[in-house]
């Protein structure tokens, strides 16, 4: 099923007038924060081409991110750093970032469409498996979160060039793993993740 407005239409039919899509990116990375976004799209201003951020070329993600930030009714971004991930685990850190993104919205949504997980949020919510590929609201959240996080990785690449963060975005690519083995982890690596903890123990 292609990414579309099926879930949004169902939510509107149930009386949700302000529907926020919520997603996170960077859950599987070895370096840096997990980043979440919440987006309330304008039903009167359809943005074409929204899809799971992982399925879009970088240039198209960046173009769509600009459109989302300019044309959505509301959007917000929040992050949890590597230290929090190590302290409370990646799933809880992801949930915390999502909740923070929802709380930061300038409007209070009537309900949430969330990629896969359920949040400790008092209003109605609908977790959707592979939601970023099915719901345009969740896809929009995934796009602005990924563009934001990729830009962070590009900035950190200049600080820690050995790890090639600009290209691997903090994930466990061969060049990243080789740098971990050679140089050990930085203060921004997730030490609760096995490849990092193994490198730190050497």
N, C-alpha and C. Protein backbone atom coordinates (compact mmCIF):
# COMPACT_ATOMS: atom_id res chain seq x y z
N UNK A 1 0.85 -1.19 0.00
CA UNK A 1 0.00 0.00 0.00
C UNK A 1 0.89 1.25 0.00
N UNK A 2 0.69 2.18 -0.94
CA UNK A 2 1.54 3.37 -0.99
C UNK A 2 1.25 4.32 0.15
N UNK A 3 2.22 5.20 0.39
CA UNK A 3 2.05 6.22 1.42
C UNK A 3 0.93 7.18 1.00
N UNK A 4 -0.04 7.38 1.88
CA UNK A 4 -1.18 8.22 1.53
C UNK A 4 -1.88 8.76 2.76
N UNK A 5 -3.13 9.13 2.59
CA UNK A 5 -3.90 9.80 3.64
C UNK A 5 -4.96 8.89 4.26
N UNK A 6 -4.84 7.59 4.05
CA UNK A 6 -5.86 6.68 4.59
C UNK A 6 -6.03 6.85 6.10
N UNK A 7 -4.93 6.87 6.83
CA UNK A 7 -5.01 6.95 8.29
C UNK A 7 -5.45 8.34 8.75
N UNK A 8 -5.04 9.35 8.01
CA UNK A 8 -5.48 10.71 8.33
C UNK A 8 -6.99 10.82 8.14
N UNK A 9 -7.50 10.30 7.03
CA UNK A 9 -8.94 10.37 6.77
C UNK A 9 -9.73 9.62 7.84
N UNK A 10 -9.21 8.47 8.26
CA UNK A 10 -9.87 7.72 9.32
C UNK A 10 -9.89 8.52 10.62
N UNK A 11 -8.76 9.20 10.93
CA UNK A 11 -8.69 10.02 12.14
C UNK A 11 -9.66 11.20 12.06
N UNK A 12 -9.71 11.86 10.91
CA UNK A 12 -10.65 12.98 10.76
C UNK A 12 -12.09 12.51 10.92
N UNK A 13 -12.40 11.32 10.38
CA UNK A 13 -13.75 10.78 10.49
C UNK A 13 -14.12 10.48 11.94
N UNK A 14 -13.11 10.21 12.76
CA UNK A 14 -13.34 9.93 14.18
C UNK A 14 -13.36 11.20 15.03
N UNK A 15 -13.20 12.35 14.38
CA UNK A 15 -13.30 13.61 15.10
C UNK A 15 -11.98 14.26 15.46
N UNK A 16 -10.84 13.68 15.01
CA UNK A 16 -9.56 14.33 15.25
C UNK A 16 -9.41 15.45 14.21
N UNK A 17 -9.48 16.67 14.62
CA UNK A 17 -9.33 17.76 13.66
C UNK A 17 -7.86 18.14 13.47
N UNK A 18 -7.04 17.92 14.49
CA UNK A 18 -5.61 18.22 14.40
C UNK A 18 -4.84 16.92 14.62
N UNK A 19 -4.29 16.38 13.54
CA UNK A 19 -3.63 15.07 13.57
C UNK A 19 -2.13 15.27 13.44
N UNK A 20 -1.38 14.77 14.40
CA UNK A 20 0.08 14.88 14.36
C UNK A 20 0.70 13.53 14.01
N UNK A 21 1.56 13.52 13.02
CA UNK A 21 2.38 12.35 12.74
C UNK A 21 3.68 12.44 13.52
N UNK A 22 4.13 11.31 14.07
CA UNK A 22 5.32 11.29 14.93
C UNK A 22 6.24 10.16 14.49
N UNK A 23 7.52 10.43 14.40
CA UNK A 23 8.49 9.39 14.05
C UNK A 23 9.85 9.77 14.61
N UNK A 24 10.75 8.79 14.64
CA UNK A 24 12.12 9.02 15.08
C UNK A 24 13.08 8.48 14.04
N UNK A 25 14.31 8.96 14.08
CA UNK A 25 15.38 8.45 13.23
C UNK A 25 16.64 8.28 14.07
N UNK A 26 17.50 7.38 13.62
CA UNK A 26 18.78 7.18 14.29
C UNK A 26 18.75 6.14 15.38
N UNK A 27 17.71 5.31 15.42
CA UNK A 27 17.63 4.33 16.51
C UNK A 27 18.77 3.33 16.44
N UNK A 28 19.18 2.94 15.26
CA UNK A 28 20.20 1.91 15.13
C UNK A 28 21.62 2.43 15.00
N UNK A 29 21.80 3.74 15.08
CA UNK A 29 23.14 4.31 14.92
C UNK A 29 24.01 4.02 16.14
N UNK A 30 25.32 4.09 15.94
CA UNK A 30 26.28 3.89 17.03
C UNK A 30 26.73 5.21 17.64
N UNK A 31 26.47 6.30 16.95
CA UNK A 31 26.98 7.62 17.35
C UNK A 31 25.83 8.62 17.36
N UNK A 32 25.85 9.49 18.36
CA UNK A 32 24.96 10.65 18.35
C UNK A 32 23.56 10.38 18.85
N UNK A 33 22.71 11.39 18.73
CA UNK A 33 21.38 11.32 19.33
C UNK A 33 20.39 10.53 18.49
N UNK A 34 19.31 10.14 19.13
CA UNK A 34 18.10 9.73 18.42
C UNK A 34 17.24 10.99 18.30
N UNK A 35 16.72 11.23 17.11
CA UNK A 35 15.98 12.46 16.82
C UNK A 35 14.55 12.12 16.45
N UNK A 36 13.60 12.85 17.02
CA UNK A 36 12.19 12.64 16.72
C UNK A 36 11.58 13.93 16.19
N UNK A 37 10.51 13.78 15.43
CA UNK A 37 9.78 14.95 14.93
C UNK A 37 8.29 14.67 15.02
N UNK A 38 7.53 15.74 15.13
CA UNK A 38 6.07 15.69 15.08
C UNK A 38 5.62 16.73 14.06
N UNK A 39 4.66 16.34 13.22
CA UNK A 39 4.20 17.22 12.14
C UNK A 39 2.68 17.18 12.07
N UNK A 40 2.08 18.35 11.99
CA UNK A 40 0.64 18.48 11.70
C UNK A 40 0.53 19.06 10.30
N UNK A 41 0.17 18.20 9.34
CA UNK A 41 0.03 18.67 7.96
C UNK A 41 -1.26 19.45 7.77
N UNK A 42 -1.26 20.31 6.78
CA UNK A 42 -2.45 21.07 6.41
C UNK A 42 -3.26 20.26 5.41
N UNK A 43 -4.46 19.80 5.77
CA UNK A 43 -5.24 18.98 4.83
C UNK A 43 -5.65 19.74 3.57
N UNK A 44 -5.56 21.06 3.61
CA UNK A 44 -5.91 21.88 2.45
C UNK A 44 -4.70 22.17 1.57
N UNK A 45 -3.53 21.68 1.95
CA UNK A 45 -2.31 21.96 1.20
C UNK A 45 -1.49 20.67 1.10
N UNK A 46 -1.88 19.79 0.20
CA UNK A 46 -1.25 18.49 0.06
C UNK A 46 0.18 18.63 -0.49
N UNK A 47 1.13 18.05 0.22
CA UNK A 47 2.53 18.04 -0.22
C UNK A 47 2.78 16.72 -0.95
N UNK A 48 3.07 16.78 -2.21
CA UNK A 48 3.26 15.58 -3.02
C UNK A 48 4.63 14.96 -2.77
N UNK A 49 4.69 13.64 -2.86
CA UNK A 49 5.96 12.93 -2.78
C UNK A 49 6.39 12.48 -1.41
N UNK A 50 5.56 12.68 -0.38
CA UNK A 50 5.93 12.25 0.97
C UNK A 50 6.01 10.73 1.05
N UNK A 51 7.05 10.25 1.68
CA UNK A 51 7.25 8.81 1.84
C UNK A 51 8.26 8.59 2.95
N UNK A 52 8.45 7.34 3.32
CA UNK A 52 9.48 6.97 4.29
C UNK A 52 10.80 7.63 3.90
N UNK A 53 11.40 8.35 4.83
CA UNK A 53 12.62 9.11 4.52
C UNK A 53 13.73 8.21 4.01
N UNK A 54 13.76 6.95 4.45
CA UNK A 54 14.82 6.03 4.04
C UNK A 54 14.70 5.66 2.56
N UNK A 55 13.53 5.85 1.98
CA UNK A 55 13.30 5.48 0.58
C UNK A 55 13.54 6.63 -0.38
N UNK A 56 13.85 7.80 0.15
CA UNK A 56 14.00 8.99 -0.69
C UNK A 56 15.47 9.37 -0.85
N UNK A 57 15.88 9.82 -2.03
CA UNK A 57 17.24 10.36 -2.18
C UNK A 57 17.43 11.58 -1.29
N UNK A 58 18.67 11.83 -0.90
CA UNK A 58 18.96 12.92 0.03
C UNK A 58 18.46 14.26 -0.48
N UNK A 59 18.66 14.54 -1.76
CA UNK A 59 18.23 15.84 -2.31
C UNK A 59 16.71 15.98 -2.24
N UNK A 60 15.99 14.89 -2.47
CA UNK A 60 14.53 14.95 -2.40
C UNK A 60 14.06 15.10 -0.96
N UNK A 61 14.73 14.43 -0.02
CA UNK A 61 14.41 14.63 1.40
C UNK A 61 14.56 16.09 1.80
N UNK A 62 15.65 16.68 1.39
CA UNK A 62 15.92 18.08 1.76
C UNK A 62 14.89 19.02 1.14
N UNK A 63 14.51 18.75 -0.10
CA UNK A 63 13.48 19.57 -0.75
C UNK A 63 12.16 19.44 -0.01
N UNK A 64 11.77 18.20 0.31
CA UNK A 64 10.50 17.98 0.99
C UNK A 64 10.53 18.56 2.41
N UNK A 65 11.68 18.46 3.07
CA UNK A 65 11.78 19.02 4.42
C UNK A 65 11.50 20.51 4.41
N UNK A 66 12.02 21.22 3.40
CA UNK A 66 11.76 22.66 3.30
C UNK A 66 10.27 22.92 3.08
N UNK A 67 9.64 22.12 2.23
CA UNK A 67 8.20 22.28 1.98
C UNK A 67 7.40 22.02 3.26
N UNK A 68 7.75 20.95 3.98
CA UNK A 68 7.03 20.61 5.21
C UNK A 68 7.13 21.75 6.22
N UNK A 69 8.34 22.25 6.42
CA UNK A 69 8.53 23.30 7.42
C UNK A 69 7.83 24.60 7.03
N UNK A 70 7.67 24.83 5.74
CA UNK A 70 7.02 26.05 5.28
C UNK A 70 5.49 25.91 5.23
N UNK A 71 5.00 24.70 4.92
CA UNK A 71 3.58 24.56 4.60
C UNK A 71 2.76 23.79 5.63
N UNK A 72 3.40 23.07 6.53
CA UNK A 72 2.64 22.34 7.56
C UNK A 72 2.01 23.33 8.53
N UNK A 73 0.94 22.90 9.19
CA UNK A 73 0.32 23.74 10.21
C UNK A 73 1.22 23.88 11.43
N UNK A 74 1.98 22.83 11.73
CA UNK A 74 2.90 22.87 12.87
C UNK A 74 3.92 21.75 12.72
N UNK A 75 5.11 21.97 13.25
CA UNK A 75 6.13 20.92 13.28
C UNK A 75 7.09 21.21 14.42
N UNK A 76 7.76 20.17 14.88
CA UNK A 76 8.76 20.32 15.94
C UNK A 76 9.74 19.16 15.88
N UNK A 77 10.90 19.38 16.46
CA UNK A 77 11.96 18.37 16.50
C UNK A 77 12.51 18.30 17.92
N UNK A 78 12.82 17.09 18.39
CA UNK A 78 13.44 16.90 19.70
C UNK A 78 14.45 15.76 19.59
N UNK A 79 15.39 15.72 20.52
CA UNK A 79 16.44 14.70 20.46
C UNK A 79 16.82 14.25 21.86
N UNK A 80 17.31 13.02 21.93
CA UNK A 80 17.90 12.49 23.16
C UNK A 80 19.33 12.08 22.85
N UNK A 81 20.31 12.56 23.65
CA UNK A 81 21.72 12.31 23.33
C UNK A 81 22.15 10.89 23.66
N UNK A 82 23.37 10.58 23.24
CA UNK A 82 23.92 9.25 23.48
C UNK A 82 23.94 8.89 24.96
N UNK A 83 24.24 9.86 25.82
CA UNK A 83 24.29 9.57 27.26
C UNK A 83 22.94 9.11 27.78
N UNK A 84 21.86 9.72 27.30
CA UNK A 84 20.52 9.30 27.72
C UNK A 84 20.19 7.92 27.17
N UNK A 85 20.59 7.66 25.93
CA UNK A 85 20.38 6.34 25.34
C UNK A 85 21.06 5.27 26.18
N UNK A 86 22.29 5.54 26.59
CA UNK A 86 23.03 4.58 27.42
C UNK A 86 22.39 4.41 28.79
N UNK A 87 21.78 5.46 29.31
CA UNK A 87 21.20 5.41 30.66
C UNK A 87 19.87 4.70 30.70
N UNK A 88 19.03 4.89 29.67
CA UNK A 88 17.66 4.38 29.76
C UNK A 88 17.29 3.40 28.65
N UNK A 89 18.15 3.14 27.73
CA UNK A 89 18.04 2.26 26.57
C UNK A 89 17.42 3.00 25.38
N UNK A 90 17.68 2.49 24.19
CA UNK A 90 17.33 3.20 22.97
C UNK A 90 15.82 3.31 22.77
N UNK A 91 15.06 2.29 23.14
CA UNK A 91 13.61 2.37 22.96
C UNK A 91 13.01 3.46 23.83
N UNK A 92 13.41 3.51 25.10
CA UNK A 92 12.87 4.54 26.00
C UNK A 92 13.35 5.93 25.59
N UNK A 93 14.59 6.04 25.13
CA UNK A 93 15.09 7.33 24.66
C UNK A 93 14.31 7.78 23.42
N UNK A 94 13.98 6.83 22.54
CA UNK A 94 13.19 7.17 21.35
C UNK A 94 11.81 7.67 21.76
N UNK A 95 11.19 6.98 22.70
CA UNK A 95 9.87 7.41 23.17
C UNK A 95 9.94 8.80 23.82
N UNK A 96 11.01 9.02 24.60
CA UNK A 96 11.16 10.32 25.26
C UNK A 96 11.31 11.43 24.23
N UNK A 97 12.10 11.18 23.19
CA UNK A 97 12.27 12.18 22.15
C UNK A 97 10.95 12.45 21.42
N UNK A 98 10.18 11.40 21.15
CA UNK A 98 8.89 11.57 20.49
C UNK A 98 7.94 12.40 21.36
N UNK A 99 7.88 12.08 22.63
CA UNK A 99 7.03 12.85 23.54
C UNK A 99 7.45 14.32 23.60
N UNK A 100 8.74 14.55 23.63
CA UNK A 100 9.24 15.93 23.66
C UNK A 100 8.87 16.67 22.38
N UNK A 101 8.92 15.97 21.24
CA UNK A 101 8.54 16.60 19.98
C UNK A 101 7.06 16.96 19.99
N UNK A 102 6.21 16.07 20.49
CA UNK A 102 4.77 16.36 20.58
C UNK A 102 4.54 17.55 21.50
N UNK A 103 5.22 17.55 22.65
CA UNK A 103 5.05 18.65 23.62
C UNK A 103 5.51 19.99 23.05
N UNK A 104 6.46 19.96 22.13
CA UNK A 104 7.00 21.19 21.56
C UNK A 104 6.16 21.77 20.43
N UNK A 105 5.16 21.01 19.97
CA UNK A 105 4.30 21.54 18.90
C UNK A 105 3.61 22.82 19.37
N UNK A 106 3.50 23.81 18.52
CA UNK A 106 2.80 25.04 18.92
C UNK A 106 1.29 24.90 18.98
N UNK A 107 0.76 23.77 18.53
CA UNK A 107 -0.66 23.46 18.68
C UNK A 107 -0.78 22.14 19.42
N UNK A 108 -1.89 21.94 20.12
CA UNK A 108 -2.11 20.68 20.83
C UNK A 108 -2.90 19.74 19.93
N UNK A 109 -2.32 18.63 19.51
CA UNK A 109 -3.03 17.74 18.60
C UNK A 109 -4.18 17.00 19.29
N UNK A 110 -5.21 16.67 18.50
CA UNK A 110 -6.31 15.86 19.00
C UNK A 110 -5.91 14.39 19.10
N UNK A 111 -4.95 13.98 18.30
CA UNK A 111 -4.50 12.59 18.32
C UNK A 111 -3.20 12.44 17.56
N UNK A 112 -2.55 11.31 17.79
CA UNK A 112 -1.23 11.04 17.20
C UNK A 112 -1.28 9.81 16.31
N UNK A 113 -0.64 9.90 15.17
CA UNK A 113 -0.30 8.74 14.35
C UNK A 113 1.19 8.53 14.52
N UNK A 114 1.58 7.36 15.01
CA UNK A 114 2.96 7.13 15.43
C UNK A 114 3.52 5.92 14.70
N UNK A 115 4.78 6.01 14.32
CA UNK A 115 5.43 4.87 13.68
C UNK A 115 5.72 3.79 14.72
N UNK A 116 4.86 2.79 14.78
CA UNK A 116 5.07 1.52 15.48
C UNK A 116 4.89 1.53 17.00
N UNK A 117 5.27 2.57 17.71
CA UNK A 117 5.27 2.49 19.17
C UNK A 117 4.09 3.25 19.76
N UNK A 118 3.85 2.99 21.04
CA UNK A 118 2.83 3.72 21.80
C UNK A 118 3.54 4.61 22.81
N UNK A 119 3.03 5.82 23.00
CA UNK A 119 3.65 6.79 23.89
C UNK A 119 2.81 6.99 25.15
N UNK A 120 3.48 7.44 26.20
CA UNK A 120 2.80 7.78 27.44
C UNK A 120 2.22 9.19 27.29
N UNK A 121 1.19 9.26 26.47
CA UNK A 121 0.55 10.53 26.12
C UNK A 121 -0.94 10.41 26.41
N UNK A 122 -1.59 11.43 26.99
CA UNK A 122 -2.95 11.26 27.49
C UNK A 122 -4.03 11.19 26.42
N UNK A 123 -3.75 11.67 25.22
CA UNK A 123 -4.77 11.69 24.18
C UNK A 123 -4.79 10.42 23.36
N UNK A 124 -5.70 10.34 22.40
CA UNK A 124 -5.77 9.17 21.52
C UNK A 124 -4.55 9.07 20.62
N UNK A 125 -4.15 7.86 20.33
CA UNK A 125 -2.98 7.63 19.47
C UNK A 125 -3.16 6.33 18.72
N UNK A 126 -2.53 6.24 17.57
CA UNK A 126 -2.61 5.03 16.76
C UNK A 126 -1.22 4.64 16.29
N UNK A 127 -0.61 3.62 16.92
CA UNK A 127 0.67 3.13 16.41
C UNK A 127 0.43 2.36 15.10
N UNK A 128 1.25 2.61 14.10
CA UNK A 128 1.10 1.99 12.79
C UNK A 128 2.42 1.35 12.40
N UNK A 129 2.42 0.04 12.22
CA UNK A 129 3.64 -0.65 11.77
C UNK A 129 3.99 -0.16 10.37
N UNK A 130 5.27 0.18 10.17
CA UNK A 130 5.74 0.78 8.91
C UNK A 130 4.96 2.05 8.60
N UNK A 131 4.59 2.78 9.64
CA UNK A 131 3.78 3.97 9.45
C UNK A 131 4.43 5.02 8.58
N UNK A 132 5.77 5.10 8.60
CA UNK A 132 6.44 6.12 7.79
C UNK A 132 6.31 5.85 6.29
N UNK A 133 5.91 4.63 5.92
CA UNK A 133 5.68 4.30 4.52
C UNK A 133 4.20 4.26 4.17
N UNK A 134 3.32 4.48 5.16
CA UNK A 134 1.89 4.37 4.94
C UNK A 134 1.12 5.66 5.19
N UNK A 135 1.58 6.46 6.14
CA UNK A 135 0.88 7.69 6.53
C UNK A 135 1.72 8.90 6.14
N UNK A 136 1.10 9.83 5.41
CA UNK A 136 1.86 11.01 5.00
C UNK A 136 2.31 11.86 6.19
N UNK A 137 1.53 11.85 7.27
CA UNK A 137 1.92 12.64 8.45
C UNK A 137 3.16 12.06 9.11
N UNK A 138 3.19 10.73 9.25
CA UNK A 138 4.38 10.09 9.82
C UNK A 138 5.56 10.23 8.88
N UNK A 139 5.31 10.08 7.58
CA UNK A 139 6.39 10.26 6.61
C UNK A 139 6.99 11.65 6.71
N UNK A 140 6.15 12.66 6.86
CA UNK A 140 6.65 14.04 6.98
C UNK A 140 7.53 14.18 8.21
N UNK A 141 7.12 13.56 9.32
CA UNK A 141 7.93 13.61 10.53
C UNK A 141 9.26 12.91 10.31
N UNK A 142 9.24 11.77 9.63
CA UNK A 142 10.49 11.04 9.39
C UNK A 142 11.43 11.85 8.52
N UNK A 143 10.89 12.60 7.57
CA UNK A 143 11.73 13.38 6.65
C UNK A 143 12.42 14.52 7.38
N UNK A 144 11.67 15.31 8.14
CA UNK A 144 12.34 16.46 8.77
C UNK A 144 13.29 15.99 9.88
N UNK A 145 12.95 14.87 10.54
CA UNK A 145 13.86 14.35 11.56
C UNK A 145 15.16 13.87 10.93
N UNK A 146 15.06 13.17 9.80
CA UNK A 146 16.27 12.63 9.17
C UNK A 146 17.14 13.75 8.59
N UNK A 147 16.52 14.73 7.95
CA UNK A 147 17.31 15.84 7.41
C UNK A 147 18.03 16.56 8.53
N UNK A 148 17.35 16.77 9.64
CA UNK A 148 17.97 17.43 10.80
C UNK A 148 19.13 16.59 11.34
N UNK A 149 18.90 15.29 11.52
CA UNK A 149 19.95 14.45 12.10
C UNK A 149 21.13 14.30 11.14
N UNK A 150 20.86 14.17 9.85
CA UNK A 150 21.95 14.07 8.88
C UNK A 150 22.81 15.33 8.90
N UNK A 151 22.19 16.49 9.07
CA UNK A 151 22.96 17.73 9.16
C UNK A 151 23.83 17.75 10.42
N UNK A 152 23.30 17.22 11.52
CA UNK A 152 24.11 17.10 12.74
C UNK A 152 25.33 16.22 12.49
N UNK A 153 25.11 15.08 11.82
CA UNK A 153 26.23 14.18 11.55
C UNK A 153 27.27 14.84 10.65
N UNK A 154 26.80 15.64 9.71
CA UNK A 154 27.74 16.35 8.84
C UNK A 154 28.59 17.32 9.65
N UNK A 155 27.97 17.99 10.62
CA UNK A 155 28.74 18.93 11.45
C UNK A 155 29.73 18.21 12.35
N UNK A 156 29.34 17.05 12.88
CA UNK A 156 30.25 16.30 13.74
C UNK A 156 31.37 15.63 12.93
N UNK A 157 31.15 15.44 11.64
CA UNK A 157 32.19 14.85 10.79
C UNK A 157 33.44 15.72 10.79
N UNK A 158 33.25 17.03 10.88
CA UNK A 158 34.40 17.93 10.90
C UNK A 158 35.17 17.83 12.21
N UNK A 159 34.48 17.43 13.29
CA UNK A 159 35.11 17.31 14.60
C UNK A 159 35.81 15.95 14.75
N UNK A 160 35.17 14.91 14.22
CA UNK A 160 35.70 13.54 14.33
C UNK A 160 35.85 12.93 12.93
N UNK A 161 36.77 13.43 12.12
CA UNK A 161 36.84 13.00 10.71
C UNK A 161 37.18 11.52 10.53
N UNK A 162 37.84 10.91 11.49
CA UNK A 162 38.25 9.51 11.33
C UNK A 162 37.06 8.56 11.17
N UNK A 163 35.90 8.97 11.66
CA UNK A 163 34.74 8.06 11.69
C UNK A 163 33.82 8.20 10.48
N UNK A 164 34.10 9.14 9.58
CA UNK A 164 33.34 9.31 8.34
C UNK A 164 31.84 9.48 8.60
N UNK A 165 31.51 10.30 9.60
CA UNK A 165 30.11 10.46 10.00
C UNK A 165 29.28 11.14 8.92
N UNK A 166 29.90 11.96 8.09
CA UNK A 166 29.16 12.63 7.04
C UNK A 166 28.56 11.66 6.04
N UNK A 167 29.24 10.53 5.83
CA UNK A 167 28.74 9.54 4.86
C UNK A 167 27.93 8.43 5.53
N UNK A 168 28.37 7.97 6.72
CA UNK A 168 27.65 6.84 7.33
C UNK A 168 26.58 7.27 8.32
N UNK A 169 26.51 8.58 8.63
CA UNK A 169 25.49 9.14 9.53
C UNK A 169 25.49 8.51 10.92
N UNK A 170 26.63 7.97 11.32
CA UNK A 170 26.73 7.39 12.65
C UNK A 170 26.39 5.92 12.73
N UNK A 171 26.00 5.32 11.62
CA UNK A 171 25.67 3.89 11.61
C UNK A 171 26.93 3.04 11.47
N UNK A 172 26.78 1.75 11.68
CA UNK A 172 27.93 0.86 11.75
C UNK A 172 28.44 0.39 10.41
N UNK A 173 28.84 1.30 9.57
CA UNK A 173 29.42 0.96 8.28
C UNK A 173 30.82 0.39 8.48
N UNK A 174 31.38 -0.29 7.47
CA UNK A 174 32.73 -0.84 7.62
C UNK A 174 33.78 0.21 8.00
N UNK A 175 33.70 1.41 7.40
CA UNK A 175 34.69 2.42 7.74
C UNK A 175 34.51 2.94 9.16
N UNK A 176 33.27 3.01 9.63
CA UNK A 176 33.01 3.44 11.00
C UNK A 176 33.53 2.39 11.99
N UNK A 177 33.23 1.13 11.71
CA UNK A 177 33.69 0.06 12.60
C UNK A 177 35.21 -0.02 12.62
N UNK A 178 35.83 0.19 11.48
CA UNK A 178 37.30 0.17 11.43
C UNK A 178 37.87 1.32 12.26
N UNK A 179 37.25 2.49 12.19
CA UNK A 179 37.73 3.63 12.98
C UNK A 179 37.53 3.38 14.47
N UNK A 180 36.42 2.74 14.84
CA UNK A 180 36.21 2.40 16.25
C UNK A 180 37.31 1.46 16.74
N UNK A 181 37.65 0.47 15.92
CA UNK A 181 38.69 -0.48 16.32
C UNK A 181 40.05 0.19 16.42
N UNK A 182 40.27 1.16 15.55
CA UNK A 182 41.58 1.83 15.50
C UNK A 182 41.71 2.93 16.53
N UNK A 183 40.65 3.72 16.72
CA UNK A 183 40.73 4.93 17.54
C UNK A 183 39.95 4.83 18.85
N UNK A 184 39.07 3.84 18.97
CA UNK A 184 38.19 3.78 20.13
C UNK A 184 37.02 4.74 19.98
N UNK A 185 36.07 4.73 20.90
CA UNK A 185 34.89 5.59 20.80
C UNK A 185 35.15 7.03 21.23
N UNK A 186 34.36 7.94 20.69
CA UNK A 186 34.36 9.33 21.12
C UNK A 186 33.38 9.48 22.29
N UNK A 187 33.33 10.64 22.93
CA UNK A 187 32.34 10.86 24.00
C UNK A 187 30.89 10.82 23.50
N UNK A 188 30.68 10.91 22.19
CA UNK A 188 29.32 10.92 21.65
C UNK A 188 28.89 9.57 21.08
N UNK A 189 29.72 8.56 21.24
CA UNK A 189 29.32 7.22 20.84
C UNK A 189 28.42 6.59 21.91
N UNK A 190 27.57 5.66 21.48
CA UNK A 190 26.64 4.99 22.39
C UNK A 190 27.32 3.75 22.97
N UNK A 191 27.79 3.89 24.19
CA UNK A 191 28.60 2.83 24.78
C UNK A 191 27.78 1.60 25.18
N UNK A 192 26.47 1.70 25.19
CA UNK A 192 25.63 0.54 25.47
C UNK A 192 25.42 -0.32 24.23
N UNK A 193 25.90 0.13 23.06
CA UNK A 193 25.77 -0.64 21.83
C UNK A 193 27.03 -1.50 21.70
N UNK A 194 26.85 -2.75 21.34
CA UNK A 194 27.93 -3.74 21.39
C UNK A 194 29.20 -3.33 20.62
N UNK A 195 29.11 -2.87 19.38
CA UNK A 195 30.36 -2.52 18.69
C UNK A 195 31.16 -1.43 19.40
N UNK A 196 30.46 -0.51 20.07
CA UNK A 196 31.14 0.56 20.79
C UNK A 196 31.73 0.04 22.10
N UNK A 197 30.96 -0.74 22.83
CA UNK A 197 31.48 -1.27 24.11
C UNK A 197 32.67 -2.19 23.87
N UNK A 198 32.64 -2.95 22.79
CA UNK A 198 33.78 -3.83 22.47
C UNK A 198 35.02 -3.00 22.15
N UNK A 199 34.83 -1.93 21.36
CA UNK A 199 35.96 -1.06 21.02
C UNK A 199 36.50 -0.36 22.26
N UNK A 200 35.61 0.03 23.17
CA UNK A 200 36.05 0.72 24.38
C UNK A 200 36.82 -0.19 25.30
N UNK A 201 36.56 -1.49 25.24
CA UNK A 201 37.22 -2.45 26.14
C UNK A 201 38.61 -2.84 25.66
N UNK A 202 38.95 -2.48 24.46
CA UNK A 202 40.25 -2.89 23.91
C UNK A 202 41.39 -2.11 24.55
